[in-house]
Protein backbone atom coordinates (compact mmCIF):
# COMPACT_ATOMS: atom_id res chain seq x y z
CA UNK A 1 0.00 0.00 0.00
CA UNK A 2 1.42 3.34 -1.07
CA UNK A 3 1.59 6.22 1.40
CA UNK A 4 0.48 9.63 0.34
CA UNK A 5 3.38 12.06 0.15
CA UNK A 6 3.44 15.04 2.47
CA UNK A 7 2.70 18.29 0.64
CA UNK A 8 5.79 20.34 -0.03
CA UNK A 9 6.11 24.02 -0.81
CA UNK A 10 6.50 25.01 -4.43
CA UNK A 11 8.22 28.23 -5.45
CA UNK A 12 7.07 29.80 -8.70
CA UNK A 13 9.12 32.64 -10.18
CA UNK A 14 7.71 34.82 -12.96
CA UNK A 15 9.27 37.67 -14.90
CA UNK A 16 6.29 39.99 -14.39
CA UNK A 17 3.50 40.51 -11.87
CA UNK A 18 0.97 40.02 -14.68
CA UNK A 19 2.43 36.60 -15.49
CA UNK A 20 2.45 35.66 -11.81
CA UNK A 21 -1.18 36.69 -11.41
CA UNK A 22 -2.25 34.72 -14.50
CA UNK A 23 -0.43 31.60 -13.31
CA UNK A 24 -1.83 31.80 -9.77
CA UNK A 25 -5.36 32.40 -11.05
CA UNK A 26 -5.01 29.26 -13.17
CA UNK A 27 -3.78 27.27 -10.18
CA UNK A 28 -6.63 28.50 -7.99
CA UNK A 29 -9.18 27.66 -10.67
CA UNK A 30 -7.80 24.12 -10.95
CA UNK A 31 -7.97 23.47 -7.19
CA UNK A 32 -11.10 22.23 -5.43
CA UNK A 33 -12.95 25.16 -3.77
CA UNK A 34 -11.90 24.18 -0.21
CA UNK A 35 -8.22 24.02 -1.25
CA UNK A 36 -8.43 27.33 -3.14
CA UNK A 37 -9.53 29.16 0.01
CA UNK A 38 -6.87 27.50 2.19
CA UNK A 39 -4.02 29.72 3.39
CA UNK A 40 -1.37 27.55 1.73
CA UNK A 41 -0.97 29.89 -1.26
CA UNK A 42 1.05 33.04 -0.67
CA UNK A 43 1.72 35.58 -3.42
CA UNK A 44 5.00 37.46 -3.04
CA UNK A 45 5.72 40.19 -5.55
CA UNK A 46 4.79 43.65 -6.70
CA UNK A 47 1.30 45.11 -6.56
CA UNK A 48 -1.48 42.61 -7.19
CA UNK A 49 -4.03 43.79 -9.75
CA UNK A 50 -6.33 40.76 -9.47
CA UNK A 51 -8.95 41.04 -6.74
CA UNK A 52 -9.17 37.25 -6.43
CA UNK A 53 -5.46 37.08 -5.49
CA UNK A 54 -5.34 39.97 -2.99
CA UNK A 55 -6.23 37.78 0.02
CA UNK A 56 -3.24 35.58 -0.90
CA UNK A 57 -0.68 38.43 -1.08
CA UNK A 58 2.00 38.42 1.59
CA UNK A 59 1.37 42.08 2.37
CA UNK A 60 -2.37 41.47 2.90
CA UNK A 61 -1.66 38.49 5.13
CA UNK A 62 0.72 40.51 7.31
CA UNK A 63 -1.81 43.35 7.60
CA UNK A 64 -4.62 40.91 8.47
CA UNK A 65 -2.49 39.26 11.13
CA UNK A 66 -1.59 42.61 12.66
CA UNK A 67 -5.24 43.68 12.76
CA UNK A 68 -6.21 40.41 14.40
CA UNK A 69 -3.70 40.87 17.19
CA UNK A 70 -4.48 44.31 18.66
CA UNK A 71 -1.71 44.06 21.28
CA UNK A 72 0.80 43.30 18.56
CA UNK A 73 -0.44 46.26 16.53
CA UNK A 74 -0.06 48.65 19.48
CA UNK A 75 3.42 47.34 20.25
CA UNK A 76 4.40 47.60 16.57
CA UNK A 77 3.25 51.23 16.39
CA UNK A 78 5.06 52.11 19.63
CA UNK A 79 8.27 50.45 18.45
CA UNK A 80 8.03 52.14 15.06
CA UNK A 81 7.60 55.53 16.74
CA UNK A 82 10.51 54.86 19.08
CA UNK A 83 12.69 53.74 16.17
CA UNK A 84 11.82 56.89 14.21
CA UNK A 85 12.65 59.10 17.23
CA UNK A 86 15.95 57.31 17.85
CA UNK A 87 16.89 57.60 14.17
CA UNK A 88 16.17 61.36 14.22
CA UNK A 89 18.19 61.76 17.42
CA UNK A 90 21.12 59.78 15.97
CA UNK A 91 21.02 61.83 12.75
CA UNK A 92 21.10 65.02 14.83
CA UNK A 93 24.07 63.78 16.87
CA UNK A 94 25.98 62.78 13.75
CA UNK A 95 25.31 66.18 12.17
CA UNK A 96 26.49 67.94 15.35
CA UNK A 97 29.64 65.83 15.51
CA UNK A 98 30.41 66.58 11.88
CA UNK A 99 30.01 70.32 12.54
CA UNK A 100 32.04 70.37 15.74
CA UNK A 101 34.69 67.69 15.34
CA UNK A 102 38.15 68.64 14.19
CA UNK A 103 40.19 66.26 12.10
CA UNK A 104 42.96 64.34 13.84
CA UNK A 105 46.41 63.29 12.67
CA UNK A 106 44.99 59.82 12.07
CA UNK A 107 42.29 61.35 9.85
CA UNK A 108 44.99 63.10 7.82
CA UNK A 109 46.98 59.91 7.57
CA UNK A 110 43.94 58.10 6.14
CA UNK A 111 42.71 60.87 3.83
CA UNK A 112 45.88 62.56 2.54
CA UNK A 113 48.79 61.49 0.43
CA UNK A 114 52.33 61.56 1.81
CA UNK A 115 53.08 64.61 -0.35
CA UNK A 116 50.09 66.51 1.10
CA UNK A 117 51.13 65.72 4.67
CA UNK A 118 54.73 66.74 3.93
CA UNK A 119 53.50 70.01 2.44
CA UNK A 120 51.45 70.73 5.57
CA UNK A 121 54.35 69.88 7.90
CA UNK A 122 57.10 71.69 5.97
CA UNK A 123 55.87 75.22 6.64
CA UNK A 124 57.97 75.79 9.76
CA UNK A 125 60.67 78.50 9.64
CA UNK A 126 63.13 76.20 11.37
CA UNK A 127 62.30 73.07 9.40
CA UNK A 128 59.48 70.61 9.91
CA UNK A 129 56.41 70.63 12.14
CA UNK A 130 55.19 67.55 13.91
CA UNK A 131 51.96 66.44 12.22
CA UNK A 132 49.81 67.29 15.29
CA UNK A 133 51.43 70.72 15.54
CA UNK A 134 51.00 71.38 11.82
CA UNK A 135 47.35 70.36 12.00
CA UNK A 136 46.78 72.61 15.02
CA UNK A 137 48.32 75.58 13.21
CA UNK A 138 46.31 74.87 10.09
CA UNK A 139 43.05 74.72 12.10
CA UNK A 140 43.75 77.91 14.08
CA UNK A 141 41.72 80.20 11.74
CA UNK A 142 38.77 77.82 11.95
CA UNK A 143 38.91 77.82 15.77
CA UNK A 144 39.05 81.62 15.84
CA UNK A 145 36.07 81.86 13.49
CA UNK A 146 34.01 79.55 15.73
CA UNK A 147 34.81 81.54 18.87
C-alpha atoms as a PDB file:
ATOM      1  CA  UNK A   1       0.000   0.000   0.000  1.00  0.00           C
ATOM      2  CA  UNK A   2       1.420   3.337  -1.073  1.00  0.00           C
ATOM      3  CA  UNK A   3       1.590   6.220   1.402  1.00  0.00           C
ATOM      4  CA  UNK A   4       0.478   9.631   0.345  1.00  0.00           C
ATOM      5  CA  UNK A   5       3.377  12.061   0.148  1.00  0.00           C
ATOM      6  CA  UNK A   6       3.445  15.040   2.474  1.00  0.00           C
ATOM      7  CA  UNK A   7       2.704  18.288   0.640  1.00  0.00           C
ATOM      8  CA  UNK A   8       5.792  20.342  -0.032  1.00  0.00           C
ATOM      9  CA  UNK A   9       6.112  24.023  -0.806  1.00  0.00           C
ATOM     10  CA  UNK A  10       6.499  25.010  -4.428  1.00  0.00           C
ATOM     11  CA  UNK A  11       8.217  28.232  -5.453  1.00  0.00           C
ATOM     12  CA  UNK A  12       7.065  29.803  -8.695  1.00  0.00           C
ATOM     13  CA  UNK A  13       9.121  32.644 -10.179  1.00  0.00           C
ATOM     14  CA  UNK A  14       7.714  34.821 -12.960  1.00  0.00           C
ATOM     15  CA  UNK A  15       9.274  37.674 -14.905  1.00  0.00           C
ATOM     16  CA  UNK A  16       6.293  39.989 -14.388  1.00  0.00           C
ATOM     17  CA  UNK A  17       3.500  40.511 -11.875  1.00  0.00           C
ATOM     18  CA  UNK A  18       0.966  40.023 -14.678  1.00  0.00           C
ATOM     19  CA  UNK A  19       2.430  36.604 -15.492  1.00  0.00           C
ATOM     20  CA  UNK A  20       2.454  35.660 -11.808  1.00  0.00           C
ATOM     21  CA  UNK A  21      -1.180  36.691 -11.405  1.00  0.00           C
ATOM     22  CA  UNK A  22      -2.248  34.721 -14.505  1.00  0.00           C
ATOM     23  CA  UNK A  23      -0.430  31.600 -13.306  1.00  0.00           C
ATOM     24  CA  UNK A  24      -1.832  31.803  -9.775  1.00  0.00           C
ATOM     25  CA  UNK A  25      -5.362  32.401 -11.054  1.00  0.00           C
ATOM     26  CA  UNK A  26      -5.014  29.262 -13.172  1.00  0.00           C
ATOM     27  CA  UNK A  27      -3.784  27.270 -10.177  1.00  0.00           C
ATOM     28  CA  UNK A  28      -6.630  28.502  -7.986  1.00  0.00           C
ATOM     29  CA  UNK A  29      -9.181  27.660 -10.666  1.00  0.00           C
ATOM     30  CA  UNK A  30      -7.799  24.122 -10.945  1.00  0.00           C
ATOM     31  CA  UNK A  31      -7.969  23.469  -7.193  1.00  0.00           C
ATOM     32  CA  UNK A  32     -11.099  22.233  -5.427  1.00  0.00           C
ATOM     33  CA  UNK A  33     -12.948  25.158  -3.770  1.00  0.00           C
ATOM     34  CA  UNK A  34     -11.900  24.179  -0.213  1.00  0.00           C
ATOM     35  CA  UNK A  35      -8.221  24.019  -1.249  1.00  0.00           C
ATOM     36  CA  UNK A  36      -8.428  27.327  -3.136  1.00  0.00           C
ATOM     37  CA  UNK A  37      -9.525  29.156   0.011  1.00  0.00           C
ATOM     38  CA  UNK A  38      -6.867  27.501   2.186  1.00  0.00           C
ATOM     39  CA  UNK A  39      -4.022  29.716   3.394  1.00  0.00           C
ATOM     40  CA  UNK A  40      -1.368  27.553   1.734  1.00  0.00           C
ATOM     41  CA  UNK A  41      -0.972  29.886  -1.259  1.00  0.00           C
ATOM     42  CA  UNK A  42       1.051  33.043  -0.666  1.00  0.00           C
ATOM     43  CA  UNK A  43       1.724  35.577  -3.419  1.00  0.00           C
ATOM     44  CA  UNK A  44       5.004  37.465  -3.042  1.00  0.00           C
ATOM     45  CA  UNK A  45       5.725  40.191  -5.550  1.00  0.00           C
ATOM     46  CA  UNK A  46       4.792  43.647  -6.700  1.00  0.00           C
ATOM     47  CA  UNK A  47       1.295  45.112  -6.563  1.00  0.00           C
ATOM     48  CA  UNK A  48      -1.476  42.610  -7.186  1.00  0.00           C
ATOM     49  CA  UNK A  49      -4.035  43.788  -9.755  1.00  0.00           C
ATOM     50  CA  UNK A  50      -6.331  40.760  -9.473  1.00  0.00           C
ATOM     51  CA  UNK A  51      -8.947  41.035  -6.741  1.00  0.00           C
ATOM     52  CA  UNK A  52      -9.166  37.252  -6.434  1.00  0.00           C
ATOM     53  CA  UNK A  53      -5.462  37.079  -5.493  1.00  0.00           C
ATOM     54  CA  UNK A  54      -5.339  39.966  -2.985  1.00  0.00           C
ATOM     55  CA  UNK A  55      -6.230  37.779   0.017  1.00  0.00           C
ATOM     56  CA  UNK A  56      -3.243  35.583  -0.895  1.00  0.00           C
ATOM     57  CA  UNK A  57      -0.681  38.431  -1.077  1.00  0.00           C
ATOM     58  CA  UNK A  58       1.995  38.423   1.592  1.00  0.00           C
ATOM     59  CA  UNK A  59       1.371  42.085   2.369  1.00  0.00           C
ATOM     60  CA  UNK A  60      -2.372  41.470   2.902  1.00  0.00           C
ATOM     61  CA  UNK A  61      -1.656  38.486   5.128  1.00  0.00           C
ATOM     62  CA  UNK A  62       0.717  40.509   7.307  1.00  0.00           C
ATOM     63  CA  UNK A  63      -1.814  43.345   7.598  1.00  0.00           C
ATOM     64  CA  UNK A  64      -4.617  40.909   8.473  1.00  0.00           C
ATOM     65  CA  UNK A  65      -2.486  39.255  11.126  1.00  0.00           C
ATOM     66  CA  UNK A  66      -1.591  42.614  12.665  1.00  0.00           C
ATOM     67  CA  UNK A  67      -5.242  43.676  12.764  1.00  0.00           C
ATOM     68  CA  UNK A  68      -6.206  40.407  14.402  1.00  0.00           C
ATOM     69  CA  UNK A  69      -3.705  40.871  17.190  1.00  0.00           C
ATOM     70  CA  UNK A  70      -4.479  44.307  18.660  1.00  0.00           C
ATOM     71  CA  UNK A  71      -1.710  44.062  21.275  1.00  0.00           C
ATOM     72  CA  UNK A  72       0.799  43.299  18.557  1.00  0.00           C
ATOM     73  CA  UNK A  73      -0.443  46.256  16.526  1.00  0.00           C
ATOM     74  CA  UNK A  74      -0.064  48.651  19.477  1.00  0.00           C
ATOM     75  CA  UNK A  75       3.422  47.343  20.248  1.00  0.00           C
ATOM     76  CA  UNK A  76       4.399  47.598  16.568  1.00  0.00           C
ATOM     77  CA  UNK A  77       3.253  51.230  16.389  1.00  0.00           C
ATOM     78  CA  UNK A  78       5.057  52.110  19.629  1.00  0.00           C
ATOM     79  CA  UNK A  79       8.270  50.452  18.447  1.00  0.00           C
ATOM     80  CA  UNK A  80       8.034  52.139  15.061  1.00  0.00           C
ATOM     81  CA  UNK A  81       7.597  55.528  16.741  1.00  0.00           C
ATOM     82  CA  UNK A  82      10.513  54.857  19.082  1.00  0.00           C
ATOM     83  CA  UNK A  83      12.690  53.736  16.168  1.00  0.00           C
ATOM     84  CA  UNK A  84      11.822  56.888  14.211  1.00  0.00           C
ATOM     85  CA  UNK A  85      12.647  59.096  17.232  1.00  0.00           C
ATOM     86  CA  UNK A  86      15.953  57.310  17.850  1.00  0.00           C
ATOM     87  CA  UNK A  87      16.894  57.602  14.171  1.00  0.00           C
ATOM     88  CA  UNK A  88      16.167  61.364  14.224  1.00  0.00           C
ATOM     89  CA  UNK A  89      18.193  61.758  17.424  1.00  0.00           C
ATOM     90  CA  UNK A  90      21.121  59.779  15.971  1.00  0.00           C
ATOM     91  CA  UNK A  91      21.021  61.827  12.754  1.00  0.00           C
ATOM     92  CA  UNK A  92      21.102  65.016  14.828  1.00  0.00           C
ATOM     93  CA  UNK A  93      24.068  63.779  16.873  1.00  0.00           C
ATOM     94  CA  UNK A  94      25.984  62.782  13.752  1.00  0.00           C
ATOM     95  CA  UNK A  95      25.311  66.180  12.173  1.00  0.00           C
ATOM     96  CA  UNK A  96      26.487  67.940  15.355  1.00  0.00           C
ATOM     97  CA  UNK A  97      29.643  65.835  15.512  1.00  0.00           C
ATOM     98  CA  UNK A  98      30.414  66.578  11.884  1.00  0.00           C
ATOM     99  CA  UNK A  99      30.010  70.318  12.537  1.00  0.00           C
ATOM    100  CA  UNK A 100      32.045  70.374  15.738  1.00  0.00           C
ATOM    101  CA  UNK A 101      34.693  67.693  15.336  1.00  0.00           C
ATOM    102  CA  UNK A 102      38.149  68.643  14.188  1.00  0.00           C
ATOM    103  CA  UNK A 103      40.192  66.261  12.098  1.00  0.00           C
ATOM    104  CA  UNK A 104      42.960  64.336  13.844  1.00  0.00           C
ATOM    105  CA  UNK A 105      46.411  63.294  12.670  1.00  0.00           C
ATOM    106  CA  UNK A 106      44.986  59.816  12.073  1.00  0.00           C
ATOM    107  CA  UNK A 107      42.291  61.345   9.854  1.00  0.00           C
ATOM    108  CA  UNK A 108      44.988  63.102   7.818  1.00  0.00           C
ATOM    109  CA  UNK A 109      46.985  59.914   7.566  1.00  0.00           C
ATOM    110  CA  UNK A 110      43.939  58.101   6.143  1.00  0.00           C
ATOM    111  CA  UNK A 111      42.710  60.872   3.830  1.00  0.00           C
ATOM    112  CA  UNK A 112      45.883  62.563   2.540  1.00  0.00           C
ATOM    113  CA  UNK A 113      48.787  61.488   0.431  1.00  0.00           C
ATOM    114  CA  UNK A 114      52.330  61.565   1.814  1.00  0.00           C
ATOM    115  CA  UNK A 115      53.078  64.612  -0.350  1.00  0.00           C
ATOM    116  CA  UNK A 116      50.091  66.507   1.096  1.00  0.00           C
ATOM    117  CA  UNK A 117      51.126  65.723   4.672  1.00  0.00           C
ATOM    118  CA  UNK A 118      54.730  66.743   3.930  1.00  0.00           C
ATOM    119  CA  UNK A 119      53.496  70.008   2.438  1.00  0.00           C
ATOM    120  CA  UNK A 120      51.451  70.727   5.565  1.00  0.00           C
ATOM    121  CA  UNK A 121      54.350  69.876   7.900  1.00  0.00           C
ATOM    122  CA  UNK A 122      57.101  71.692   5.969  1.00  0.00           C
ATOM    123  CA  UNK A 123      55.873  75.222   6.641  1.00  0.00           C
ATOM    124  CA  UNK A 124      57.971  75.789   9.763  1.00  0.00           C
ATOM    125  CA  UNK A 125      60.671  78.499   9.643  1.00  0.00           C
ATOM    126  CA  UNK A 126      63.132  76.202  11.369  1.00  0.00           C
ATOM    127  CA  UNK A 127      62.300  73.067   9.397  1.00  0.00           C
ATOM    128  CA  UNK A 128      59.479  70.609   9.906  1.00  0.00           C
ATOM    129  CA  UNK A 129      56.408  70.627  12.144  1.00  0.00           C
ATOM    130  CA  UNK A 130      55.191  67.555  13.912  1.00  0.00           C
ATOM    131  CA  UNK A 131      51.956  66.444  12.218  1.00  0.00           C
ATOM    132  CA  UNK A 132      49.809  67.285  15.294  1.00  0.00           C
ATOM    133  CA  UNK A 133      51.430  70.725  15.544  1.00  0.00           C
ATOM    134  CA  UNK A 134      50.998  71.381  11.817  1.00  0.00           C
ATOM    135  CA  UNK A 135      47.348  70.359  12.003  1.00  0.00           C
ATOM    136  CA  UNK A 136      46.781  72.608  15.017  1.00  0.00           C
ATOM    137  CA  UNK A 137      48.322  75.577  13.213  1.00  0.00           C
ATOM    138  CA  UNK A 138      46.307  74.870  10.093  1.00  0.00           C
ATOM    139  CA  UNK A 139      43.048  74.723  12.097  1.00  0.00           C
ATOM    140  CA  UNK A 140      43.747  77.915  14.080  1.00  0.00           C
ATOM    141  CA  UNK A 141      41.725  80.200  11.741  1.00  0.00           C
ATOM    142  CA  UNK A 142      38.770  77.816  11.952  1.00  0.00           C
ATOM    143  CA  UNK A 143      38.907  77.824  15.765  1.00  0.00           C
ATOM    144  CA  UNK A 144      39.045  81.619  15.839  1.00  0.00           C
ATOM    145  CA  UNK A 145      36.070  81.862  13.486  1.00  0.00           C
ATOM    146  CA  UNK A 146      34.010  79.551  15.733  1.00  0.00           C
ATOM    147  CA  UNK A 147      34.810  81.541  18.872  1.00  0.00           C
END
